[in-house]
C-alpha atoms as a PDB file:
ATOM      1  CA  UNK A   1     -70.754 -54.130  56.988  1.00  0.00           C
ATOM      2  CA  UNK A   2     -68.848 -54.835  54.024  1.00  0.00           C
ATOM      3  CA  UNK A   3     -71.026 -56.790  51.412  1.00  0.00           C
ATOM      4  CA  UNK A   4     -69.584 -58.360  48.546  1.00  0.00           C
ATOM      5  CA  UNK A   5     -72.014 -60.331  45.985  1.00  0.00           C
ATOM      6  CA  UNK A   6     -70.423 -63.123  43.726  1.00  0.00           C
ATOM      7  CA  UNK A   7     -72.044 -63.995  40.808  1.00  0.00           C
ATOM      8  CA  UNK A   8     -73.327 -63.225  37.090  1.00  0.00           C
ATOM      9  CA  UNK A   9     -75.413 -60.525  35.712  1.00  0.00           C
ATOM     10  CA  UNK A  10     -77.357 -63.300  34.186  1.00  0.00           C
ATOM     11  CA  UNK A  11     -78.552 -65.310  37.306  1.00  0.00           C
ATOM     12  CA  UNK A  12     -81.653 -64.770  38.920  1.00  0.00           C
ATOM     13  CA  UNK A  13     -81.103 -65.263  42.248  1.00  0.00           C
ATOM     14  CA  UNK A  14     -77.792 -63.274  41.931  1.00  0.00           C
ATOM     15  CA  UNK A  15     -80.042 -60.245  41.029  1.00  0.00           C
ATOM     16  CA  UNK A  16     -82.529 -60.867  43.783  1.00  0.00           C
ATOM     17  CA  UNK A  17     -79.670 -60.725  46.220  1.00  0.00           C
ATOM     18  CA  UNK A  18     -78.599 -57.502  44.845  1.00  0.00           C
ATOM     19  CA  UNK A  19     -82.325 -56.299  44.964  1.00  0.00           C
ATOM     20  CA  UNK A  20     -82.222 -57.271  48.501  1.00  0.00           C
ATOM     21  CA  UNK A  21     -79.399 -55.136  49.693  1.00  0.00           C
ATOM     22  CA  UNK A  22     -80.376 -52.165  47.089  1.00  0.00           C
ATOM     23  CA  UNK A  23     -84.010 -51.911  48.729  1.00  0.00           C
ATOM     24  CA  UNK A  24     -82.306 -51.732  52.271  1.00  0.00           C
ATOM     25  CA  UNK A  25     -79.536 -48.831  50.711  1.00  0.00           C
ATOM     26  CA  UNK A  26     -76.882 -51.161  51.726  1.00  0.00           C
ATOM     27  CA  UNK A  27     -73.749 -50.892  49.640  1.00  0.00           C
ATOM     28  CA  UNK A  28     -72.198 -53.820  47.973  1.00  0.00           C
ATOM     29  CA  UNK A  29     -69.546 -54.809  45.686  1.00  0.00           C
ATOM     30  CA  UNK A  30     -70.374 -56.919  43.066  1.00  0.00           C
ATOM     31  CA  UNK A  31     -67.967 -59.575  41.277  1.00  0.00           C
ATOM     32  CA  UNK A  32     -68.895 -60.801  37.808  1.00  0.00           C
ATOM     33  CA  UNK A  33     -67.504 -64.508  37.878  1.00  0.00           C
ATOM     34  CA  UNK A  34     -67.804 -64.018  33.814  1.00  0.00           C
ATOM     35  CA  UNK A  35     -64.941 -61.541  34.261  1.00  0.00           C
ATOM     36  CA  UNK A  36     -63.072 -62.702  37.420  1.00  0.00           C
ATOM     37  CA  UNK A  37     -63.049 -65.723  39.530  1.00  0.00           C
ATOM     38  CA  UNK A  38     -62.074 -66.462  42.869  1.00  0.00           C
ATOM     39  CA  UNK A  39     -58.551 -66.452  44.074  1.00  0.00           C
ATOM     40  CA  UNK A  40     -56.974 -69.550  46.250  1.00  0.00           C
ATOM     41  CA  UNK A  41     -57.290 -67.201  49.225  1.00  0.00           C
ATOM     42  CA  UNK A  42     -61.116 -66.046  48.656  1.00  0.00           C
ATOM     43  CA  UNK A  43     -62.041 -69.586  48.398  1.00  0.00           C
ATOM     44  CA  UNK A  44     -60.249 -70.599  51.333  1.00  0.00           C
ATOM     45  CA  UNK A  45     -62.196 -67.985  53.410  1.00  0.00           C
ATOM     46  CA  UNK A  46     -65.561 -69.011  51.962  1.00  0.00           C
ATOM     47  CA  UNK A  47     -64.680 -72.827  52.689  1.00  0.00           C
ATOM     48  CA  UNK A  48     -64.698 -71.783  56.353  1.00  0.00           C
ATOM     49  CA  UNK A  49     -68.314 -71.220  56.711  1.00  0.00           C
ATOM     50  CA  UNK A  50     -69.541 -73.430  53.378  1.00  0.00           C
ATOM     51  CA  UNK A  51     -68.118 -76.768  52.527  1.00  0.00           C
ATOM     52  CA  UNK A  52     -66.270 -76.894  49.274  1.00  0.00           C
ATOM     53  CA  UNK A  53     -68.897 -79.446  47.713  1.00  0.00           C
ATOM     54  CA  UNK A  54     -71.959 -77.115  48.686  1.00  0.00           C
ATOM     55  CA  UNK A  55     -70.290 -74.539  46.302  1.00  0.00           C
ATOM     56  CA  UNK A  56     -70.485 -76.621  43.090  1.00  0.00           C
ATOM     57  CA  UNK A  57     -73.560 -75.995  41.052  1.00  0.00           C
ATOM     58  CA  UNK A  58     -74.369 -79.953  39.792  1.00  0.00           C
ATOM     59  CA  UNK A  59     -77.347 -78.318  38.186  1.00  0.00           C
ATOM     60  CA  UNK A  60     -75.643 -75.653  36.169  1.00  0.00           C
ATOM     61  CA  UNK A  61     -75.314 -75.389  32.552  1.00  0.00           C
ATOM     62  CA  UNK A  62     -71.408 -75.340  33.022  1.00  0.00           C
ATOM     63  CA  UNK A  63     -71.543 -78.671  34.604  1.00  0.00           C
ATOM     64  CA  UNK A  64     -73.794 -80.238  32.316  1.00  0.00           C
ATOM     65  CA  UNK A  65     -71.683 -78.711  29.603  1.00  0.00           C
ATOM     66  CA  UNK A  66     -68.599 -80.092  30.801  1.00  0.00           C
ATOM     67  CA  UNK A  67     -70.219 -83.923  31.481  1.00  0.00           C
ATOM     68  CA  UNK A  68     -68.753 -83.592  34.793  1.00  0.00           C
ATOM     69  CA  UNK A  69     -71.333 -86.043  36.461  1.00  0.00           C
ATOM     70  CA  UNK A  70     -69.117 -88.859  35.599  1.00  0.00           C
ATOM     71  CA  UNK A  71     -65.907 -87.544  35.971  1.00  0.00           C
ATOM     72  CA  UNK A  72     -63.629 -87.761  39.048  1.00  0.00           C
ATOM     73  CA  UNK A  73     -62.102 -84.448  39.899  1.00  0.00           C
ATOM     74  CA  UNK A  74     -60.612 -82.262  42.427  1.00  0.00           C
ATOM     75  CA  UNK A  75     -63.511 -79.807  43.590  1.00  0.00           C
ATOM     76  CA  UNK A  76     -61.677 -76.881  44.800  1.00  0.00           C
ATOM     77  CA  UNK A  77     -59.422 -76.888  41.515  1.00  0.00           C
ATOM     78  CA  UNK A  78     -62.338 -77.201  39.482  1.00  0.00           C
ATOM     79  CA  UNK A  79     -63.618 -73.895  40.981  1.00  0.00           C
ATOM     80  CA  UNK A  80     -60.924 -72.030  41.063  1.00  0.00           C
ATOM     81  CA  UNK A  81     -60.061 -72.995  37.094  1.00  0.00           C
ATOM     82  CA  UNK A  82     -63.744 -72.613  36.130  1.00  0.00           C
ATOM     83  CA  UNK A  83     -65.651 -69.908  38.175  1.00  0.00           C
ATOM     84  CA  UNK A  84     -69.040 -70.639  36.372  1.00  0.00           C
ATOM     85  CA  UNK A  85     -69.045 -74.161  38.092  1.00  0.00           C
ATOM     86  CA  UNK A  86     -69.866 -72.255  41.367  1.00  0.00           C
ATOM     87  CA  UNK A  87     -73.339 -71.957  42.621  1.00  0.00           C
ATOM     88  CA  UNK A  88     -74.502 -68.224  43.133  1.00  0.00           C
ATOM     89  CA  UNK A  89     -74.812 -65.857  44.356  1.00  0.00           C
ATOM     90  CA  UNK A  90     -72.206 -66.003  47.160  1.00  0.00           C
ATOM     91  CA  UNK A  91     -72.580 -63.202  49.609  1.00  0.00           C
ATOM     92  CA  UNK A  92     -69.811 -62.255  51.780  1.00  0.00           C
ATOM     93  CA  UNK A  93     -69.975 -60.069  54.814  1.00  0.00           C
ATOM     94  CA  UNK A  94     -66.331 -60.008  56.031  1.00  0.00           C
ATOM     95  CA  UNK A  95     -65.476 -63.355  57.132  1.00  0.00           C
ATOM     96  CA  UNK A  96     -69.109 -64.627  56.850  1.00  0.00           C
ATOM     97  CA  UNK A  97     -70.485 -66.146  53.628  1.00  0.00           C
ATOM     98  CA  UNK A  98     -73.451 -67.567  52.281  1.00  0.00           C
ATOM     99  CA  UNK A  99     -74.304 -69.408  49.212  1.00  0.00           C
ATOM    100  CA  UNK A 100     -77.656 -69.164  47.476  1.00  0.00           C
ATOM    101  CA  UNK A 101     -80.306 -66.629  48.117  1.00  0.00           C
ATOM    102  CA  UNK A 102     -80.381 -66.368  52.146  1.00  0.00           C
ATOM    103  CA  UNK A 103     -82.298 -63.329  53.133  1.00  0.00           C
ATOM    104  CA  UNK A 104     -82.856 -64.538  56.372  1.00  0.00           C
ATOM    105  CA  UNK A 105     -79.256 -64.688  57.313  1.00  0.00           C
ATOM    106  CA  UNK A 106     -78.556 -61.483  55.665  1.00  0.00           C
ATOM    107  CA  UNK A 107     -81.016 -59.562  57.661  1.00  0.00           C
ATOM    108  CA  UNK A 108     -79.028 -60.858  60.843  1.00  0.00           C
ATOM    109  CA  UNK A 109     -76.166 -59.212  59.113  1.00  0.00           C
ATOM    110  CA  UNK A 110     -77.922 -56.113  58.890  1.00  0.00           C
ATOM    111  CA  UNK A 111     -79.448 -56.158  62.562  1.00  0.00           C
ATOM    112  CA  UNK A 112     -76.043 -56.905  64.067  1.00  0.00           C
ATOM    113  CA  UNK A 113     -74.224 -54.117  61.942  1.00  0.00           C
ATOM    114  CA  UNK A 114     -76.904 -51.711  63.706  1.00  0.00           C
ATOM    115  CA  UNK A 115     -75.968 -52.854  67.015  1.00  0.00           C
ATOM    116  CA  UNK A 116     -72.534 -51.446  66.889  1.00  0.00           C
END
């Protein structure tokens, strides 16, 4: 299993995701979006699992701060240029991705990895 958690240190949902994997002694790589955003290739991989509109955090501070609710924009371009617009956490396991706190799906990933 190759787990990557993408989020911010202040995000409560991201903290819960980190705790979930720590409690199960599963190593993961953490990517802090305040330091480094997603590359186009990473976003493309995530989009295979999750529609790009589901990745945009319309309830988040950054969306409101930029007054985006009344703007017309290309969602993918905005996510690449401003990673703080992403809904977090994004958890990745190889080509599989989830957005938000999804412990049931993560448990399936763990069960599948143990069956090999």
